[in-house]
Amino acid sequence: MLEVRREETLGTDAQTVWSLVSDFGNIADWHPACSASS
């Protein structure tokens, strides 16, 4: 099994970041490779 891991420190509190990334169906709101998501 292959593995990849990336991490980064962000200048905003964890709850604000979590509110964005945890909205599973809305990855197109923040990931540049996604033109649409549902």
Full PDB file with SEQRES, HELIX, SHEET, SSBOND, CRYST1, ORIGX, SCALE, CONECT and MASTER records, all heavy atoms in Angstrom:
SEQRES   1 A   38  MET LEU GLU VAL ARG ARG GLU GLU THR LEU GLY THR ASP          
SEQRES   2 A   38  ALA GLN THR VAL TRP SER LEU VAL SER ASP PHE GLY ASN          
SEQRES   3 A   38  ILE ALA ASP TRP HIS PRO ALA CYS SER ALA SER SER              
HELIX    1 AA1 ALA A   14  VAL A   21  1                                   8    
HELIX    2 AA2 PHE A   24  ASP A   29  5                                   6    
CRYST1    1.000    1.000    1.000  90.00  90.00  90.00 P 1           1          
ORIGX1      1.000000  0.000000  0.000000        0.00000                         
ORIGX2      0.000000  1.000000  0.000000        0.00000                         
ORIGX3      0.000000  0.000000  1.000000        0.00000                         
SCALE1      1.000000  0.000000  0.000000        0.00000                         
SCALE2      0.000000  1.000000  0.000000        0.00000                         
SCALE3      0.000000  0.000000  1.000000        0.00000                         
ATOM      1  N   MET A   1       0.842  -1.177   0.000  1.00  0.00           N  
ATOM      2  CA  MET A   1       0.000   0.000   0.000  1.00  0.00           C  
ATOM      3  C   MET A   1       0.890   1.244   0.000  1.00  0.00           C  
ATOM      4  O   MET A   1       1.850   1.313   0.746  1.00  0.00           O  
ATOM      5  CB  MET A   1      -0.916  -0.033   1.219  1.00  0.00           C  
ATOM      6  CG  MET A   1      -1.927   1.043   1.217  1.00  0.00           C  
ATOM      7  SD  MET A   1      -3.695   0.689   1.401  1.00  0.00           S  
ATOM      8  CE  MET A   1      -4.196  -0.457   0.209  1.00  0.00           C  
ATOM      9  N   LEU A   2       0.567   2.190  -0.862  1.00  0.00           N  
ATOM     10  CA  LEU A   2       1.304   3.452  -0.953  1.00  0.00           C  
ATOM     11  C   LEU A   2       0.671   4.467  -0.018  1.00  0.00           C  
ATOM     12  O   LEU A   2      -0.524   4.397   0.278  1.00  0.00           O  
ATOM     13  CB  LEU A   2       1.256   3.970  -2.386  1.00  0.00           C  
ATOM     14  CG  LEU A   2       1.761   3.012  -3.456  1.00  0.00           C  
ATOM     15  CD1 LEU A   2       1.475   3.570  -4.840  1.00  0.00           C  
ATOM     16  CD2 LEU A   2       3.235   2.732  -3.264  1.00  0.00           C  
ATOM     17  N   GLU A   3       1.464   5.437   0.420  1.00  0.00           N  
ATOM     18  CA  GLU A   3       0.952   6.482   1.306  1.00  0.00           C  
ATOM     19  C   GLU A   3       1.474   7.841   0.884  1.00  0.00           C  
ATOM     20  O   GLU A   3       2.607   7.964   0.442  1.00  0.00           O  
ATOM     21  CB  GLU A   3       1.358   6.203   2.758  1.00  0.00           C  
ATOM     22  CG  GLU A   3       0.743   4.940   3.306  1.00  0.00           C  
ATOM     23  CD  GLU A   3       1.051   4.716   4.773  1.00  0.00           C  
ATOM     24  OE1 GLU A   3       1.742   5.551   5.388  1.00  0.00           O  
ATOM     25  OE2 GLU A   3       0.608   3.686   5.301  1.00  0.00           O  
ATOM     26  N   VAL A   4       0.598   8.843   1.055  1.00  0.00           N  
ATOM     27  CA  VAL A   4       0.966  10.241   0.835  1.00  0.00           C  
ATOM     28  C   VAL A   4       0.400  11.030   1.997  1.00  0.00           C  
ATOM     29  O   VAL A   4      -0.730  10.786   2.436  1.00  0.00           O  
ATOM     30  CB  VAL A   4       0.397  10.784  -0.499  1.00  0.00           C  
ATOM     31  CG1 VAL A   4       0.597  12.282  -0.612  1.00  0.00           C  
ATOM     32  CG2 VAL A   4       1.037  10.080  -1.681  1.00  0.00           C  
ATOM     33  N   ARG A   5       1.189  11.980   2.487  1.00  0.00           N  
ATOM     34  CA  ARG A   5       0.745  12.826   3.603  1.00  0.00           C  
ATOM     35  C   ARG A   5       1.284  14.237   3.376  1.00  0.00           C  
ATOM     36  O   ARG A   5       2.468  14.408   3.069  1.00  0.00           O  
ATOM     37  CB  ARG A   5       1.280  12.262   4.916  1.00  0.00           C  
ATOM     38  CG  ARG A   5       0.947  13.090   6.140  1.00  0.00           C  
ATOM     39  CD  ARG A   5       1.666  12.497   7.362  1.00  0.00           C  
ATOM     40  NE  ARG A   5       1.419  13.261   8.543  1.00  0.00           N  
ATOM     41  CZ  ARG A   5       0.540  12.943   9.486  1.00  0.00           C  
ATOM     42  NH1 ARG A   5      -0.161  11.830   9.357  1.00  0.00           N  
ATOM     43  NH2 ARG A   5       0.370  13.686  10.540  1.00  0.00           N  
ATOM     44  N   ARG A   6       0.414  15.210   3.519  1.00  0.00           N  
ATOM     45  CA  ARG A   6       0.812  16.604   3.428  1.00  0.00           C  
ATOM     46  C   ARG A   6       0.161  17.356   4.590  1.00  0.00           C  
ATOM     47  O   ARG A   6      -0.960  17.049   4.981  1.00  0.00           O  
ATOM     48  CB  ARG A   6       0.370  17.236   2.103  1.00  0.00           C  
ATOM     49  CG  ARG A   6       1.037  16.633   0.880  1.00  0.00           C  
ATOM     50  CD  ARG A   6       2.536  16.929   0.853  1.00  0.00           C  
ATOM     51  NE  ARG A   6       3.177  16.475  -0.354  1.00  0.00           N  
ATOM     52  CZ  ARG A   6       3.738  15.275  -0.515  1.00  0.00           C  
ATOM     53  NH1 ARG A   6       3.693  14.377   0.463  1.00  0.00           N  
ATOM     54  NH2 ARG A   6       4.338  14.954  -1.652  1.00  0.00           N  
ATOM     55  N   GLU A   7       0.870  18.341   5.114  1.00  0.00           N  
ATOM     56  CA  GLU A   7       0.310  19.163   6.179  1.00  0.00           C  
ATOM     57  C   GLU A   7       0.855  20.573   6.088  1.00  0.00           C  
ATOM     58  O   GLU A   7       1.910  20.797   5.498  1.00  0.00           O  
ATOM     59  CB  GLU A   7       0.527  18.540   7.555  1.00  0.00           C  
ATOM     60  CG  GLU A   7       1.916  18.099   7.874  1.00  0.00           C  
ATOM     61  CD  GLU A   7       1.987  17.307   9.179  1.00  0.00           C  
ATOM     62  OE1 GLU A   7       0.954  16.982   9.784  1.00  0.00           O  
ATOM     63  OE2 GLU A   7       3.101  17.019   9.589  1.00  0.00           O  
ATOM     64  N   GLU A   8       0.098  21.486   6.678  1.00  0.00           N  
ATOM     65  CA  GLU A   8       0.469  22.895   6.601  1.00  0.00           C  
ATOM     66  C   GLU A   8      -0.140  23.624   7.790  1.00  0.00           C  
ATOM     67  O   GLU A   8      -1.259  23.316   8.225  1.00  0.00           O  
ATOM     68  CB  GLU A   8      -0.067  23.507   5.304  1.00  0.00           C  
ATOM     69  CG  GLU A   8       0.260  24.963   5.102  1.00  0.00           C  
ATOM     70  CD  GLU A   8       1.744  25.205   4.867  1.00  0.00           C  
ATOM     71  OE1 GLU A   8       2.273  24.751   3.840  1.00  0.00           O  
ATOM     72  OE2 GLU A   8       2.356  25.862   5.736  1.00  0.00           O  
ATOM     73  N   THR A   9       0.585  24.594   8.308  1.00  0.00           N  
ATOM     74  CA  THR A   9       0.061  25.463   9.352  1.00  0.00           C  
ATOM     75  C   THR A   9      -0.617  26.645   8.681  1.00  0.00           C  
ATOM     76  O   THR A   9      -0.064  27.248   7.754  1.00  0.00           O  
ATOM     77  CB  THR A   9       1.187  25.935  10.284  1.00  0.00           C  
ATOM     78  OG1 THR A   9       1.797  24.785  10.875  1.00  0.00           O  
ATOM     79  CG2 THR A   9       0.654  26.838  11.380  1.00  0.00           C  
ATOM     80  N   LEU A  10      -1.819  26.961   9.149  1.00  0.00           N  
ATOM     81  CA  LEU A  10      -2.607  28.069   8.601  1.00  0.00           C  
ATOM     82  C   LEU A  10      -2.770  29.142   9.671  1.00  0.00           C  
ATOM     83  O   LEU A  10      -2.795  28.836  10.866  1.00  0.00           O  
ATOM     84  CB  LEU A  10      -3.973  27.562   8.138  1.00  0.00           C  
ATOM     85  CG  LEU A  10      -3.942  26.396   7.146  1.00  0.00           C  
ATOM     86  CD1 LEU A  10      -5.352  25.881   6.885  1.00  0.00           C  
ATOM     87  CD2 LEU A  10      -3.268  26.803   5.851  1.00  0.00           C  
ATOM     88  N   GLY A  11      -2.957  30.376   9.251  1.00  0.00           N  
ATOM     89  CA  GLY A  11      -3.041  31.492  10.173  1.00  0.00           C  
ATOM     90  C   GLY A  11      -4.430  31.761  10.714  1.00  0.00           C  
ATOM     91  O   GLY A  11      -4.672  32.822  11.278  1.00  0.00           O  
ATOM     92  N   THR A  12      -5.352  30.844  10.540  1.00  0.00           N  
ATOM     93  CA  THR A  12      -6.734  30.995  10.989  1.00  0.00           C  
ATOM     94  C   THR A  12      -7.058  29.864  11.949  1.00  0.00           C  
ATOM     95  O   THR A  12      -6.521  28.771  11.823  1.00  0.00           O  
ATOM     96  CB  THR A  12      -7.688  30.966   9.775  1.00  0.00           C  
ATOM     97  OG1 THR A  12      -7.304  32.014   8.882  1.00  0.00           O  
ATOM     98  CG2 THR A  12      -9.127  31.164  10.175  1.00  0.00           C  
ATOM     99  N   ASP A  13      -7.962  30.129  12.874  1.00  0.00           N  
ATOM    100  CA  ASP A  13      -8.312  29.121  13.878  1.00  0.00           C  
ATOM    101  C   ASP A  13      -8.887  27.857  13.239  1.00  0.00           C  
ATOM    102  O   ASP A  13      -9.459  27.885  12.145  1.00  0.00           O  
ATOM    103  CB  ASP A  13      -9.313  29.700  14.889  1.00  0.00           C  
ATOM    104  CG  ASP A  13     -10.644  30.026  14.246  1.00  0.00           C  
ATOM    105  OD1 ASP A  13     -10.745  31.084  13.589  1.00  0.00           O  
ATOM    106  OD2 ASP A  13     -11.575  29.201  14.371  1.00  0.00           O  
ATOM    107  N   ALA A  14      -8.725  26.762  13.947  1.00  0.00           N  
ATOM    108  CA  ALA A  14      -9.119  25.453  13.425  1.00  0.00           C  
ATOM    109  C   ALA A  14     -10.609  25.377  13.122  1.00  0.00           C  
ATOM    110  O   ALA A  14     -11.008  24.762  12.131  1.00  0.00           O  
ATOM    111  CB  ALA A  14      -8.718  24.356  14.423  1.00  0.00           C  
ATOM    112  N   GLN A  15     -11.447  25.993  13.932  1.00  0.00           N  
ATOM    113  CA  GLN A  15     -12.897  25.899  13.703  1.00  0.00           C  
ATOM    114  C   GLN A  15     -13.294  26.552  12.377  1.00  0.00           C  
ATOM    115  O   GLN A  15     -14.150  26.034  11.661  1.00  0.00           O  
ATOM    116  CB  GLN A  15     -13.684  26.516  14.860  1.00  0.00           C  
ATOM    117  CG  GLN A  15     -15.183  26.321  14.748  1.00  0.00           C  
ATOM    118  CD  GLN A  15     -15.588  24.848  14.637  1.00  0.00           C  
ATOM    119  OE1 GLN A  15     -15.163  24.018  15.425  1.00  0.00           O  
ATOM    120  NE2 GLN A  15     -16.410  24.514  13.644  1.00  0.00           N  
ATOM    121  N   THR A  16     -12.679  27.665  12.031  1.00  0.00           N  
ATOM    122  CA  THR A  16     -12.986  28.337  10.767  1.00  0.00           C  
ATOM    123  C   THR A  16     -12.576  27.462   9.584  1.00  0.00           C  
ATOM    124  O   THR A  16     -13.348  27.298   8.629  1.00  0.00           O  
ATOM    125  CB  THR A  16     -12.276  29.707  10.699  1.00  0.00           C  
ATOM    126  OG1 THR A  16     -12.748  30.513  11.791  1.00  0.00           O  
ATOM    127  CG2 THR A  16     -12.545  30.412   9.390  1.00  0.00           C  
ATOM    128  N   VAL A  17     -11.387  26.889   9.646  1.00  0.00           N  
ATOM    129  CA  VAL A  17     -10.920  26.008   8.576  1.00  0.00           C  
ATOM    130  C   VAL A  17     -11.812  24.774   8.498  1.00  0.00           C  
ATOM    131  O   VAL A  17     -12.243  24.363   7.414  1.00  0.00           O  
ATOM    132  CB  VAL A  17      -9.444  25.623   8.785  1.00  0.00           C  
ATOM    133  CG1 VAL A  17      -8.986  24.637   7.717  1.00  0.00           C  
ATOM    134  CG2 VAL A  17      -8.556  26.862   8.780  1.00  0.00           C  
ATOM    135  N   TRP A  18     -12.125  24.190   9.659  1.00  0.00           N  
ATOM    136  CA  TRP A  18     -12.963  22.991   9.703  1.00  0.00           C  
ATOM    137  C   TRP A  18     -14.339  23.272   9.108  1.00  0.00           C  
ATOM    138  O   TRP A  18     -14.882  22.438   8.379  1.00  0.00           O  
ATOM    139  CB  TRP A  18     -13.084  22.475  11.130  1.00  0.00           C  
ATOM    140  CG  TRP A  18     -13.984  21.297  11.263  1.00  0.00           C  
ATOM    141  CD1 TRP A  18     -15.192  21.247  11.903  1.00  0.00           C  
ATOM    142  CD2 TRP A  18     -13.764  19.983  10.737  1.00  0.00           C  
ATOM    143  NE1 TRP A  18     -15.729  19.993  11.803  1.00  0.00           N  
ATOM    144  CE2 TRP A  18     -14.880  19.191  11.093  1.00  0.00           C  
ATOM    145  CE3 TRP A  18     -12.752  19.400   9.990  1.00  0.00           C  
ATOM    146  CZ2 TRP A  18     -14.997  17.861  10.726  1.00  0.00           C  
ATOM    147  CZ3 TRP A  18     -12.859  18.069   9.627  1.00  0.00           C  
ATOM    148  CH2 TRP A  18     -13.976  17.314   9.994  1.00  0.00           C  
ATOM    149  N   SER A  19     -14.905  24.413   9.381  1.00  0.00           N  
ATOM    150  CA  SER A  19     -16.231  24.751   8.846  1.00  0.00           C  
ATOM    151  C   SER A  19     -16.238  24.702   7.321  1.00  0.00           C  
ATOM    152  O   SER A  19     -17.233  24.311   6.715  1.00  0.00           O  
ATOM    153  CB  SER A  19     -16.670  26.136   9.317  1.00  0.00           C  
ATOM    154  OG  SER A  19     -16.900  26.122  10.708  1.00  0.00           O  
ATOM    155  N   LEU A  20     -15.135  25.053   6.715  1.00  0.00           N  
ATOM    156  CA  LEU A  20     -15.048  25.024   5.255  1.00  0.00           C  
ATOM    157  C   LEU A  20     -14.784  23.604   4.746  1.00  0.00           C  
ATOM    158  O   LEU A  20     -15.530  23.088   3.916  1.00  0.00           O  
ATOM    159  CB  LEU A  20     -13.944  25.968   4.774  1.00  0.00           C  
ATOM    160  CG  LEU A  20     -13.734  26.021   3.260  1.00  0.00           C  
ATOM    161  CD1 LEU A  20     -14.967  26.590   2.558  1.00  0.00           C  
ATOM    162  CD2 LEU A  20     -12.499  26.845   2.929  1.00  0.00           C  
ATOM    163  N   VAL A  21     -13.731  22.954   5.229  1.00  0.00           N  
ATOM    164  CA  VAL A  21     -13.324  21.672   4.649  1.00  0.00           C  
ATOM    165  C   VAL A  21     -14.246  20.515   5.034  1.00  0.00           C  
ATOM    166  O   VAL A  21     -14.319  19.524   4.302  1.00  0.00           O  
ATOM    167  CB  VAL A  21     -11.856  21.309   4.966  1.00  0.00           C  
ATOM    168  CG1 VAL A  21     -10.914  22.361   4.426  1.00  0.00           C  
ATOM    169  CG2 VAL A  21     -11.621  21.054   6.432  1.00  0.00           C  
ATOM    170  N   SER A  22     -14.955  20.627   6.133  1.00  0.00           N  
ATOM    171  CA  SER A  22     -15.824  19.522   6.562  1.00  0.00           C  
ATOM    172  C   SER A  22     -17.149  19.483   5.815  1.00  0.00           C  
ATOM    173  O   SER A  22     -17.893  18.509   5.935  1.00  0.00           O  
ATOM    174  CB  SER A  22     -16.094  19.603   8.068  1.00  0.00           C  
ATOM    175  OG  SER A  22     -16.873  20.752   8.379  1.00  0.00           O  
ATOM    176  N   ASP A  23     -17.439  20.509   5.040  1.00  0.00           N  
ATOM    177  CA  ASP A  23     -18.653  20.513   4.220  1.00  0.00           C  
ATOM    178  C   ASP A  23     -18.361  19.632   3.001  1.00  0.00           C  
ATOM    179  O   ASP A  23     -17.971  20.112   1.929  1.00  0.00           O  
ATOM    180  CB  ASP A  23     -19.004  21.944   3.823  1.00  0.00           C  
ATOM    181  CG  ASP A  23     -20.350  22.048   3.156  1.00  0.00           C  
ATOM    182  OD1 ASP A  23     -21.008  21.005   2.926  1.00  0.00           O  
ATOM    183  OD2 ASP A  23     -20.754  23.180   2.838  1.00  0.00           O  
ATOM    184  N   PHE A  24     -18.518  18.338   3.190  1.00  0.00           N  
ATOM    185  CA  PHE A  24     -18.026  17.310   2.274  1.00  0.00           C  
ATOM    186  C   PHE A  24     -18.418  17.549   0.819  1.00  0.00           C  
ATOM    187  O   PHE A  24     -17.603  17.406  -0.084  1.00  0.00           O  
ATOM    188  CB  PHE A  24     -18.520  15.938   2.755  1.00  0.00           C  
ATOM    189  CG  PHE A  24     -17.928  14.771   2.041  1.00  0.00           C  
ATOM    190  CD1 PHE A  24     -16.581  14.474   2.165  1.00  0.00           C  
ATOM    191  CD2 PHE A  24     -18.715  13.942   1.260  1.00  0.00           C  
ATOM    192  CE1 PHE A  24     -16.018  13.376   1.515  1.00  0.00           C  
ATOM    193  CE2 PHE A  24     -18.172  12.834   0.616  1.00  0.00           C  
ATOM    194  CZ  PHE A  24     -16.820  12.557   0.739  1.00  0.00           C  
ATOM    195  N   GLY A  25     -19.637  17.917   0.579  1.00  0.00           N  
ATOM    196  CA  GLY A  25     -20.117  18.085  -0.782  1.00  0.00           C  
ATOM    197  C   GLY A  25     -19.688  19.368  -1.459  1.00  0.00           C  
ATOM    198  O   GLY A  25     -19.906  19.548  -2.658  1.00  0.00           O  
ATOM    199  N   ASN A  26     -19.059  20.268  -0.725  1.00  0.00           N  
ATOM    200  CA  ASN A  26     -18.705  21.569  -1.286  1.00  0.00           C  
ATOM    201  C   ASN A  26     -17.203  21.772  -1.457  1.00  0.00           C  
ATOM    202  O   ASN A  26     -16.705  22.886  -1.332  1.00  0.00           O  
ATOM    203  CB  ASN A  26     -19.298  22.692  -0.426  1.00  0.00           C  
ATOM    204  CG  ASN A  26     -20.793  22.794  -0.614  1.00  0.00           C  
ATOM    205  OD1 ASN A  26     -21.291  22.679  -1.725  1.00  0.00           O  
ATOM    206  ND2 ASN A  26     -21.509  22.975   0.472  1.00  0.00           N  
ATOM    207  N   ILE A  27     -16.497  20.721  -1.790  1.00  0.00           N  
ATOM    208  CA  ILE A  27     -15.048  20.836  -1.983  1.00  0.00           C  
ATOM    209  C   ILE A  27     -14.707  21.822  -3.107  1.00  0.00           C  
ATOM    210  O   ILE A  27     -13.660  22.459  -3.087  1.00  0.00           O  
ATOM    211  CB  ILE A  27     -14.404  19.451  -2.225  1.00  0.00           C  
ATOM    212  CG1 ILE A  27     -12.868  19.552  -2.189  1.00  0.00           C  
ATOM    213  CG2 ILE A  27     -14.940  18.812  -3.497  1.00  0.00           C  
ATOM    214  CD1 ILE A  27     -12.152  18.213  -2.210  1.00  0.00           C  
ATOM    215  N   ALA A  28     -15.603  21.989  -4.061  1.00  0.00           N  
ATOM    216  CA  ALA A  28     -15.349  22.939  -5.160  1.00  0.00           C  
ATOM    217  C   ALA A  28     -15.286  24.379  -4.649  1.00  0.00           C  
ATOM    218  O   ALA A  28     -14.756  25.246  -5.349  1.00  0.00           O  
ATOM    219  CB  ALA A  28     -16.410  22.810  -6.247  1.00  0.00           C  
ATOM    220  N   ASP A  29     -15.779  24.622  -3.436  1.00  0.00           N  
ATOM    221  CA  ASP A  29     -15.702  25.966  -2.862  1.00  0.00           C  
ATOM    222  C   ASP A  29     -14.280  26.363  -2.486  1.00  0.00           C  
ATOM    223  O   ASP A  29     -14.004  27.538  -2.301  1.00  0.00           O  
ATOM    224  CB  ASP A  29     -16.596  26.084  -1.625  1.00  0.00           C  
ATOM    225  CG  ASP A  29     -18.067  26.122  -1.971  1.00  0.00           C  
ATOM    226  OD1 ASP A  29     -18.416  26.234  -3.164  1.00  0.00           O  
ATOM    227  OD2 ASP A  29     -18.894  26.025  -1.033  1.00  0.00           O  
ATOM    228  N   TRP A  30     -13.396  25.378  -2.348  1.00  0.00           N  
ATOM    229  CA  TRP A  30     -12.031  25.722  -1.923  1.00  0.00           C  
ATOM    230  C   TRP A  30     -10.914  25.005  -2.684  1.00  0.00           C  
ATOM    231  O   TRP A  30      -9.789  25.474  -2.679  1.00  0.00           O  
ATOM    232  CB  TRP A  30     -11.860  25.512  -0.417  1.00  0.00           C  
ATOM    233  CG  TRP A  30     -12.095  24.109   0.057  1.00  0.00           C  
ATOM    234  CD1 TRP A  30     -13.279  23.565   0.448  1.00  0.00           C  
ATOM    235  CD2 TRP A  30     -11.118  23.069   0.198  1.00  0.00           C  
ATOM    236  NE1 TRP A  30     -13.105  22.252   0.803  1.00  0.00           N  
ATOM    237  CE2 TRP A  30     -11.787  21.919   0.687  1.00  0.00           C  
ATOM    238  CE3 TRP A  30      -9.747  22.995  -0.037  1.00  0.00           C  
ATOM    239  CZ2 TRP A  30     -11.125  20.727   0.924  1.00  0.00           C  
ATOM    240  CZ3 TRP A  30      -9.085  21.795   0.214  1.00  0.00           C  
ATOM    241  CH2 TRP A  30      -9.776  20.682   0.696  1.00  0.00           C  
ATOM    242  N   HIS A  31     -11.194  23.893  -3.328  1.00  0.00           N  
ATOM    243  CA  HIS A  31     -10.114  23.173  -4.028  1.00  0.00           C  
ATOM    244  C   HIS A  31     -10.056  23.617  -5.487  1.00  0.00           C  
ATOM    245  O   HIS A  31     -11.034  23.474  -6.219  1.00  0.00           O  
ATOM    246  CB  HIS A  31     -10.322  21.663  -3.941  1.00  0.00           C  
ATOM    247  CG  HIS A  31      -9.080  20.892  -4.233  1.00  0.00           C  
ATOM    248  ND1 HIS A  31      -8.469  20.910  -5.468  1.00  0.00           N  
ATOM    249  CD2 HIS A  31      -8.311  20.107  -3.443  1.00  0.00           C  
ATOM    250  CE1 HIS A  31      -7.384  20.161  -5.423  1.00  0.00           C  
ATOM    251  NE2 HIS A  31      -7.271  19.661  -4.195  1.00  0.00           N  
ATOM    252  N   PRO A  32      -8.925  24.131  -5.932  1.00  0.00           N  
ATOM    253  CA  PRO A  32      -8.835  24.697  -7.283  1.00  0.00           C  
ATOM    254  C   PRO A  32      -8.981  23.686  -8.422  1.00  0.00           C  
ATOM    255  O   PRO A  32      -9.286  24.076  -9.547  1.00  0.00           O  
ATOM    256  CB  PRO A  32      -7.449  25.347  -7.311  1.00  0.00           C  
ATOM    257  CG  PRO A  32      -6.657  24.612  -6.283  1.00  0.00           C  
ATOM    258  CD  PRO A  32      -7.650  24.246  -5.211  1.00  0.00           C  
ATOM    259  N   ALA A  33      -8.786  22.403  -8.166  1.00  0.00           N  
ATOM    260  CA  ALA A  33      -8.928  21.405  -9.230  1.00  0.00           C  
ATOM    261  C   ALA A  33     -10.381  21.033  -9.494  1.00  0.00           C  
ATOM    262  O   ALA A  33     -10.685  20.401 -10.497  1.00  0.00           O  
ATOM    263  CB  ALA A  33      -8.142  20.137  -8.876  1.00  0.00           C  
ATOM    264  N   CYS A  34     -11.274  21.435  -8.602  1.00  0.00           N  
ATOM    265  CA  CYS A  34     -12.687  21.056  -8.708  1.00  0.00           C  
ATOM    266  C   CYS A  34     -13.489  22.186  -9.329  1.00  0.00           C  
ATOM    267  O   CYS A  34     -13.558  23.277  -8.776  1.00  0.00           O  
ATOM    268  CB  CYS A  34     -13.247  20.736  -7.323  1.00  0.00           C  
ATOM    269  SG  CYS A  34     -12.329  19.473  -6.441  1.00  0.00           S  
ATOM    270  N   SER A  35     -14.109  21.920 -10.461  1.00  0.00           N  
ATOM    271  CA  SER A  35     -14.940  22.948 -11.085  1.00  0.00           C  
ATOM    272  C   SER A  35     -16.370  22.894 -10.561  1.00  0.00           C  
ATOM    273  O   SER A  35     -17.093  23.880 -10.631  1.00  0.00           O  
ATOM    274  CB  SER A  35     -14.915  22.808 -12.605  1.00  0.00           C  
ATOM    275  OG  SER A  35     -15.373  21.535 -13.010  1.00  0.00           O  
ATOM    276  N   ALA A  36     -16.776  21.743 -10.020  1.00  0.00           N  
ATOM    277  CA  ALA A  36     -18.109  21.608  -9.423  1.00  0.00           C  
ATOM    278  C   ALA A  36     -18.089  20.409  -8.475  1.00  0.00           C  
ATOM    279  O   ALA A  36     -17.289  19.493  -8.637  1.00  0.00           O  
ATOM    280  CB  ALA A  36     -19.168  21.391 -10.504  1.00  0.00           C  
ATOM    281  N   SER A  37     -18.976  20.456  -7.494  1.00  0.00           N  
ATOM    282  CA  SER A  37     -19.131  19.316  -6.592  1.00  0.00           C  
ATOM    283  C   SER A  37     -20.540  19.327  -6.040  1.00  0.00           C  
ATOM    284  O   SER A  37     -21.179  20.370  -5.942  1.00  0.00           O  
ATOM    285  CB  SER A  37     -18.104  19.359  -5.451  1.00  0.00           C  
ATOM    286  OG  SER A  37     -18.244  20.532  -4.675  1.00  0.00           O  
ATOM    287  N   SER A  38     -21.009  18.134  -5.692  1.00  0.00           N  
ATOM    288  CA  SER A  38     -22.345  18.009  -5.096  1.00  0.00           C  
ATOM    289  C   SER A  38     -22.330  16.814  -4.154  1.00  0.00           C  
ATOM    290  O   SER A  38     -21.429  15.985  -4.192  1.00  0.00           O  
ATOM    291  CB  SER A  38     -23.400  17.821  -6.184  1.00  0.00           C  
ATOM    292  OG  SER A  38     -23.138  16.632  -6.919  1.00  0.00           O  
TER     293      SER A  38                                                      
MASTER        0    0    0    2    0    0    0    6  292    1    0    3          
END                                                                             
